[in-house]
Amino acid sequence: MPSAVLSEVIGFTAFVVLLSISLVCFTLHQSVIALNTDEVVLRDVAEYVATSLSSLVSMANSSAENEVFLAKVLNIPQDVNGKGYFITLENNSGILVVVVYYSDYMKQEARLWSCKNIDLDYKDLSQFNVEYVYEISSGMKNPVVWCWKKNGSLSIGLGILGG
């Protein structure tokens, strides 16, 4: 009799172990899918911002006016799978890059292709009803990208409309 109970305990234990392993595998698989989704969304946001800035630069360059200020309100998601994210502009050895990230390990970049010899420094944009910001948080209202052509030089950046 004791051997029959022992075999049932061993069988039940094996079942619980297999069930636990299956649950862990499913959870890990789900986490990988979520990270891949986050990566795609962040890349899309980076490319959208880069395209918007490149379009503004092209329009400013094609203008015959001496001074032109252009801004575009960004239509970006509030969060990525419940996580807030940030958008910045960086100059990597002369190459302008839009960086979108929510942690050190989850970051995507997009190059600004048509943008050379462009200034990223702070500008007072109050005359255009735009507040200069170094970094856009996904929860900010009315985030914009802007381009300012003045006396032949171009500046681009991030801002908040109505700031």
C-alpha atoms as a PDB file:
ATOM      1  CA  MET A   1       0.000   0.000   0.000  1.00  0.00           C
ATOM      2  CA  PRO A   2       2.641   2.607   0.816  1.00  0.00           C
ATOM      3  CA  SER A   3       4.198   2.186  -2.646  1.00  0.00           C
ATOM      4  CA  ALA A   4       0.931   3.130  -4.399  1.00  0.00           C
ATOM      5  CA  VAL A   5       0.717   6.376  -2.413  1.00  0.00           C
ATOM      6  CA  LEU A   6       4.382   7.094  -3.124  1.00  0.00           C
ATOM      7  CA  SER A   7       3.860   6.726  -6.891  1.00  0.00           C
ATOM      8  CA  GLU A   8       0.884   9.104  -6.720  1.00  0.00           C
ATOM      9  CA  VAL A   9       2.972  11.687  -4.840  1.00  0.00           C
ATOM     10  CA  ILE A  10       5.777  11.380  -7.394  1.00  0.00           C
ATOM     11  CA  GLY A  11       3.297  11.709 -10.283  1.00  0.00           C
ATOM     12  CA  PHE A  12       1.596  14.736  -8.715  1.00  0.00           C
ATOM     13  CA  THR A  13       4.965  16.388  -8.001  1.00  0.00           C
ATOM     14  CA  ALA A  14       6.088  15.806 -11.596  1.00  0.00           C
ATOM     15  CA  PHE A  15       2.814  17.324 -12.833  1.00  0.00           C
ATOM     16  CA  VAL A  16       3.260  20.426 -10.639  1.00  0.00           C
ATOM     17  CA  VAL A  17       6.888  20.833 -11.773  1.00  0.00           C
ATOM     18  CA  LEU A  18       5.909  20.566 -15.455  1.00  0.00           C
ATOM     19  CA  LEU A  19       3.055  23.006 -14.936  1.00  0.00           C
ATOM     20  CA  SER A  20       5.419  25.469 -13.221  1.00  0.00           C
ATOM     21  CA  ILE A  21       7.985  25.185 -16.010  1.00  0.00           C
ATOM     22  CA  SER A  22       5.265  25.776 -18.618  1.00  0.00           C
ATOM     23  CA  LEU A  23       4.050  28.845 -16.733  1.00  0.00           C
ATOM     24  CA  VAL A  24       7.576  30.297 -16.500  1.00  0.00           C
ATOM     25  CA  CYS A  25       8.179  29.678 -20.225  1.00  0.00           C
ATOM     26  CA  PHE A  26       4.887  31.353 -21.130  1.00  0.00           C
ATOM     27  CA  THR A  27       5.684  34.372 -18.934  1.00  0.00           C
ATOM     28  CA  LEU A  28       9.163  34.757 -20.444  1.00  0.00           C
ATOM     29  CA  HIS A  29       7.756  34.455 -23.953  1.00  0.00           C
ATOM     30  CA  GLN A  30       5.146  37.110 -23.163  1.00  0.00           C
ATOM     31  CA  SER A  31       7.860  39.449 -21.811  1.00  0.00           C
ATOM     32  CA  VAL A  32       9.945  39.059 -24.964  1.00  0.00           C
ATOM     33  CA  ILE A  33       6.919  39.869 -27.127  1.00  0.00           C
ATOM     34  CA  ALA A  34       6.187  42.993 -25.040  1.00  0.00           C
ATOM     35  CA  LEU A  35       9.809  44.194 -25.363  1.00  0.00           C
ATOM     36  CA  ASN A  36       9.757  43.646 -29.124  1.00  0.00           C
ATOM     37  CA  THR A  37       6.523  45.629 -29.356  1.00  0.00           C
ATOM     38  CA  ASP A  38       8.041  48.450 -27.297  1.00  0.00           C
ATOM     39  CA  GLU A  39      11.064  48.503 -29.594  1.00  0.00           C
ATOM     40  CA  VAL A  40       8.879  48.851 -32.697  1.00  0.00           C
ATOM     41  CA  VAL A  41       6.760  51.644 -31.186  1.00  0.00           C
ATOM     42  CA  LEU A  42       9.836  53.598 -30.025  1.00  0.00           C
ATOM     43  CA  ARG A  43      11.425  53.220 -33.479  1.00  0.00           C
ATOM     44  CA  ASP A  44       8.216  54.481 -35.123  1.00  0.00           C
ATOM     45  CA  VAL A  45       8.151  57.530 -32.830  1.00  0.00           C
ATOM     46  CA  ALA A  46      11.839  58.279 -33.534  1.00  0.00           C
ATOM     47  CA  GLU A  47      11.308  58.031 -37.297  1.00  0.00           C
ATOM     48  CA  TYR A  48       8.161  60.185 -37.120  1.00  0.00           C
ATOM     49  CA  VAL A  49       9.991  62.948 -35.221  1.00  0.00           C
ATOM     50  CA  ALA A  50      13.017  62.738 -37.550  1.00  0.00           C
ATOM     51  CA  THR A  51      10.799  62.941 -40.640  1.00  0.00           C
ATOM     52  CA  SER A  52       8.908  65.906 -39.199  1.00  0.00           C
ATOM     53  CA  LEU A  53      12.141  67.776 -38.457  1.00  0.00           C
ATOM     54  CA  SER A  54      13.627  66.957 -41.864  1.00  0.00           C
ATOM     55  CA  SER A  55      10.482  68.286 -43.553  1.00  0.00           C
ATOM     56  CA  LEU A  56      10.679  71.539 -41.591  1.00  0.00           C
ATOM     57  CA  VAL A  57      14.357  71.955 -42.515  1.00  0.00           C
ATOM     58  CA  SER A  58      13.583  71.343 -46.196  1.00  0.00           C
ATOM     59  CA  MET A  59      10.772  73.911 -46.148  1.00  0.00           C
ATOM     60  CA  ALA A  60      12.942  76.492 -44.374  1.00  0.00           C
ATOM     61  CA  ASN A  61      15.826  75.930 -46.796  1.00  0.00           C
ATOM     62  CA  SER A  62      13.552  76.301 -49.816  1.00  0.00           C
ATOM     63  CA  SER A  63      12.157  79.596 -48.539  1.00  0.00           C
ATOM     64  CA  ALA A  64      13.556  82.800 -50.010  1.00  0.00           C
ATOM     65  CA  GLU A  65      12.762  84.680 -46.794  1.00  0.00           C
ATOM     66  CA  ASN A  66      15.594  85.847 -44.545  1.00  0.00           C
ATOM     67  CA  GLU A  67      13.803  84.750 -41.368  1.00  0.00           C
ATOM     68  CA  VAL A  68      11.423  81.791 -41.148  1.00  0.00           C
ATOM     69  CA  PHE A  69      10.084  79.997 -38.076  1.00  0.00           C
ATOM     70  CA  LEU A  70       8.259  76.693 -38.589  1.00  0.00           C
ATOM     71  CA  ALA A  71       6.795  74.398 -35.944  1.00  0.00           C
ATOM     72  CA  LYS A  72       4.840  71.170 -36.092  1.00  0.00           C
ATOM     73  CA  VAL A  73       2.778  69.758 -33.244  1.00  0.00           C
ATOM     74  CA  LEU A  74       3.715  66.116 -32.702  1.00  0.00           C
ATOM     75  CA  ASN A  75       1.027  63.458 -32.579  1.00  0.00           C
ATOM     76  CA  ILE A  76       2.774  60.869 -30.389  1.00  0.00           C
ATOM     77  CA  PRO A  77       1.401  58.127 -28.126  1.00  0.00           C
ATOM     78  CA  GLN A  78       0.976  58.961 -24.427  1.00  0.00           C
ATOM     79  CA  ASP A  79       2.882  55.835 -23.393  1.00  0.00           C
ATOM     80  CA  VAL A  80       4.358  52.577 -24.628  1.00  0.00           C
ATOM     81  CA  ASN A  81       2.655  49.611 -22.948  1.00  0.00           C
ATOM     82  CA  GLY A  82       1.994  51.748 -19.877  1.00  0.00           C
ATOM     83  CA  LYS A  83       5.534  53.184 -19.717  1.00  0.00           C
ATOM     84  CA  GLY A  84       6.357  56.850 -20.287  1.00  0.00           C
ATOM     85  CA  TYR A  85       9.217  57.694 -22.639  1.00  0.00           C
ATOM     86  CA  PHE A  86      11.434  60.626 -23.598  1.00  0.00           C
ATOM     87  CA  ILE A  87      12.512  62.236 -26.871  1.00  0.00           C
ATOM     88  CA  THR A  88      15.797  64.131 -27.283  1.00  0.00           C
ATOM     89  CA  LEU A  89      18.003  65.406 -30.080  1.00  0.00           C
ATOM     90  CA  GLU A  90      21.698  64.567 -30.087  1.00  0.00           C
ATOM     91  CA  ASN A  91      24.677  65.517 -32.205  1.00  0.00           C
ATOM     92  CA  ASN A  92      26.788  62.384 -32.647  1.00  0.00           C
ATOM     93  CA  SER A  93      29.993  63.508 -34.366  1.00  0.00           C
ATOM     94  CA  GLY A  94      28.160  65.865 -36.706  1.00  0.00           C
ATOM     95  CA  ILE A  95      25.236  63.519 -37.329  1.00  0.00           C
ATOM     96  CA  LEU A  96      21.958  64.713 -35.838  1.00  0.00           C
ATOM     97  CA  VAL A  97      19.938  61.933 -34.244  1.00  0.00           C
ATOM     98  CA  VAL A  98      16.483  61.719 -32.655  1.00  0.00           C
ATOM     99  CA  VAL A  99      16.681  59.473 -29.578  1.00  0.00           C
ATOM    100  CA  VAL A 100      13.544  57.951 -28.033  1.00  0.00           C
ATOM    101  CA  TYR A 101      13.936  55.919 -24.851  1.00  0.00           C
ATOM    102  CA  TYR A 102      12.350  54.839 -21.582  1.00  0.00           C
ATOM    103  CA  SER A 103      15.380  53.132 -20.042  1.00  0.00           C
ATOM    104  CA  ASP A 104      19.053  52.573 -20.775  1.00  0.00           C
ATOM    105  CA  TYR A 105      18.351  49.237 -22.440  1.00  0.00           C
ATOM    106  CA  MET A 106      15.245  50.288 -24.399  1.00  0.00           C
ATOM    107  CA  LYS A 107      16.250  53.079 -26.758  1.00  0.00           C
ATOM    108  CA  GLN A 108      15.762  53.729 -30.467  1.00  0.00           C
ATOM    109  CA  GLU A 109      17.390  56.292 -32.759  1.00  0.00           C
ATOM    110  CA  ALA A 110      16.620  57.841 -36.136  1.00  0.00           C
ATOM    111  CA  ARG A 111      19.000  59.992 -38.177  1.00  0.00           C
ATOM    112  CA  LEU A 112      18.107  63.383 -39.578  1.00  0.00           C
ATOM    113  CA  TRP A 113      19.301  62.910 -43.142  1.00  0.00           C
ATOM    114  CA  SER A 114      18.956  66.365 -44.680  1.00  0.00           C
ATOM    115  CA  CYS A 115      20.294  68.269 -41.688  1.00  0.00           C
ATOM    116  CA  LYS A 116      23.876  69.530 -41.842  1.00  0.00           C
ATOM    117  CA  ASN A 117      25.398  72.588 -40.156  1.00  0.00           C
ATOM    118  CA  ILE A 118      22.382  73.002 -37.910  1.00  0.00           C
ATOM    119  CA  ASP A 119      22.422  74.455 -34.414  1.00  0.00           C
ATOM    120  CA  LEU A 120      20.832  72.586 -31.481  1.00  0.00           C
ATOM    121  CA  ASP A 121      21.583  75.211 -28.811  1.00  0.00           C
ATOM    122  CA  TYR A 122      19.017  76.899 -26.568  1.00  0.00           C
ATOM    123  CA  LYS A 123      16.877  79.579 -28.197  1.00  0.00           C
ATOM    124  CA  ASP A 124      14.349  82.010 -26.729  1.00  0.00           C
ATOM    125  CA  LEU A 125      11.207  81.161 -28.680  1.00  0.00           C
ATOM    126  CA  SER A 126       8.688  83.125 -26.609  1.00  0.00           C
ATOM    127  CA  GLN A 127       7.940  85.423 -29.562  1.00  0.00           C
ATOM    128  CA  PHE A 128       6.597  82.354 -31.394  1.00  0.00           C
ATOM    129  CA  ASN A 129       4.565  81.112 -28.390  1.00  0.00           C
ATOM    130  CA  VAL A 130       6.869  78.084 -28.062  1.00  0.00           C
ATOM    131  CA  GLU A 131       8.896  77.095 -25.005  1.00  0.00           C
ATOM    132  CA  TYR A 132      12.257  75.489 -25.765  1.00  0.00           C
ATOM    133  CA  VAL A 133      12.784  72.116 -24.037  1.00  0.00           C
ATOM    134  CA  TYR A 134      15.803  69.841 -24.151  1.00  0.00           C
ATOM    135  CA  GLU A 135      13.686  66.717 -23.752  1.00  0.00           C
ATOM    136  CA  ILE A 136      10.052  65.915 -24.484  1.00  0.00           C
ATOM    137  CA  SER A 137       8.260  63.612 -22.078  1.00  0.00           C
ATOM    138  CA  SER A 138       5.492  61.497 -23.590  1.00  0.00           C
ATOM    139  CA  GLY A 139       2.942  63.021 -21.215  1.00  0.00           C
ATOM    140  CA  MET A 140       3.563  66.661 -22.201  1.00  0.00           C
ATOM    141  CA  LYS A 141       0.738  68.550 -23.867  1.00  0.00           C
ATOM    142  CA  ASN A 142       1.315  70.022 -27.334  1.00  0.00           C
ATOM    143  CA  PRO A 143       4.906  68.905 -27.970  1.00  0.00           C
ATOM    144  CA  VAL A 144       6.419  70.445 -31.089  1.00  0.00           C
ATOM    145  CA  VAL A 145       9.476  70.228 -33.274  1.00  0.00           C
ATOM    146  CA  TRP A 146      10.636  73.532 -34.697  1.00  0.00           C
ATOM    147  CA  CYS A 147      13.031  74.990 -37.233  1.00  0.00           C
ATOM    148  CA  TRP A 148      14.220  78.598 -37.249  1.00  0.00           C
ATOM    149  CA  LYS A 149      16.052  80.079 -40.195  1.00  0.00           C
ATOM    150  CA  LYS A 150      17.592  83.455 -39.390  1.00  0.00           C
ATOM    151  CA  ASN A 151      20.237  85.277 -41.441  1.00  0.00           C
ATOM    152  CA  GLY A 152      21.126  82.103 -43.328  1.00  0.00           C
ATOM    153  CA  SER A 153      21.684  79.885 -40.263  1.00  0.00           C
ATOM    154  CA  LEU A 154      19.351  77.097 -39.197  1.00  0.00           C
ATOM    155  CA  SER A 155      18.392  75.989 -35.700  1.00  0.00           C
ATOM    156  CA  ILE A 156      16.136  73.079 -34.810  1.00  0.00           C
ATOM    157  CA  GLY A 157      14.827  71.720 -31.563  1.00  0.00           C
ATOM    158  CA  LEU A 158      12.018  70.484 -29.381  1.00  0.00           C
ATOM    159  CA  GLY A 159       9.450  72.572 -27.590  1.00  0.00           C
ATOM    160  CA  ILE A 160       6.044  72.963 -26.051  1.00  0.00           C
ATOM    161  CA  LEU A 161       3.420  75.017 -27.874  1.00  0.00           C
ATOM    162  CA  GLY A 162       1.906  77.758 -25.747  1.00  0.00           C
ATOM    163  CA  GLY A 163       4.698  77.444 -23.196  1.00  0.00           C
END
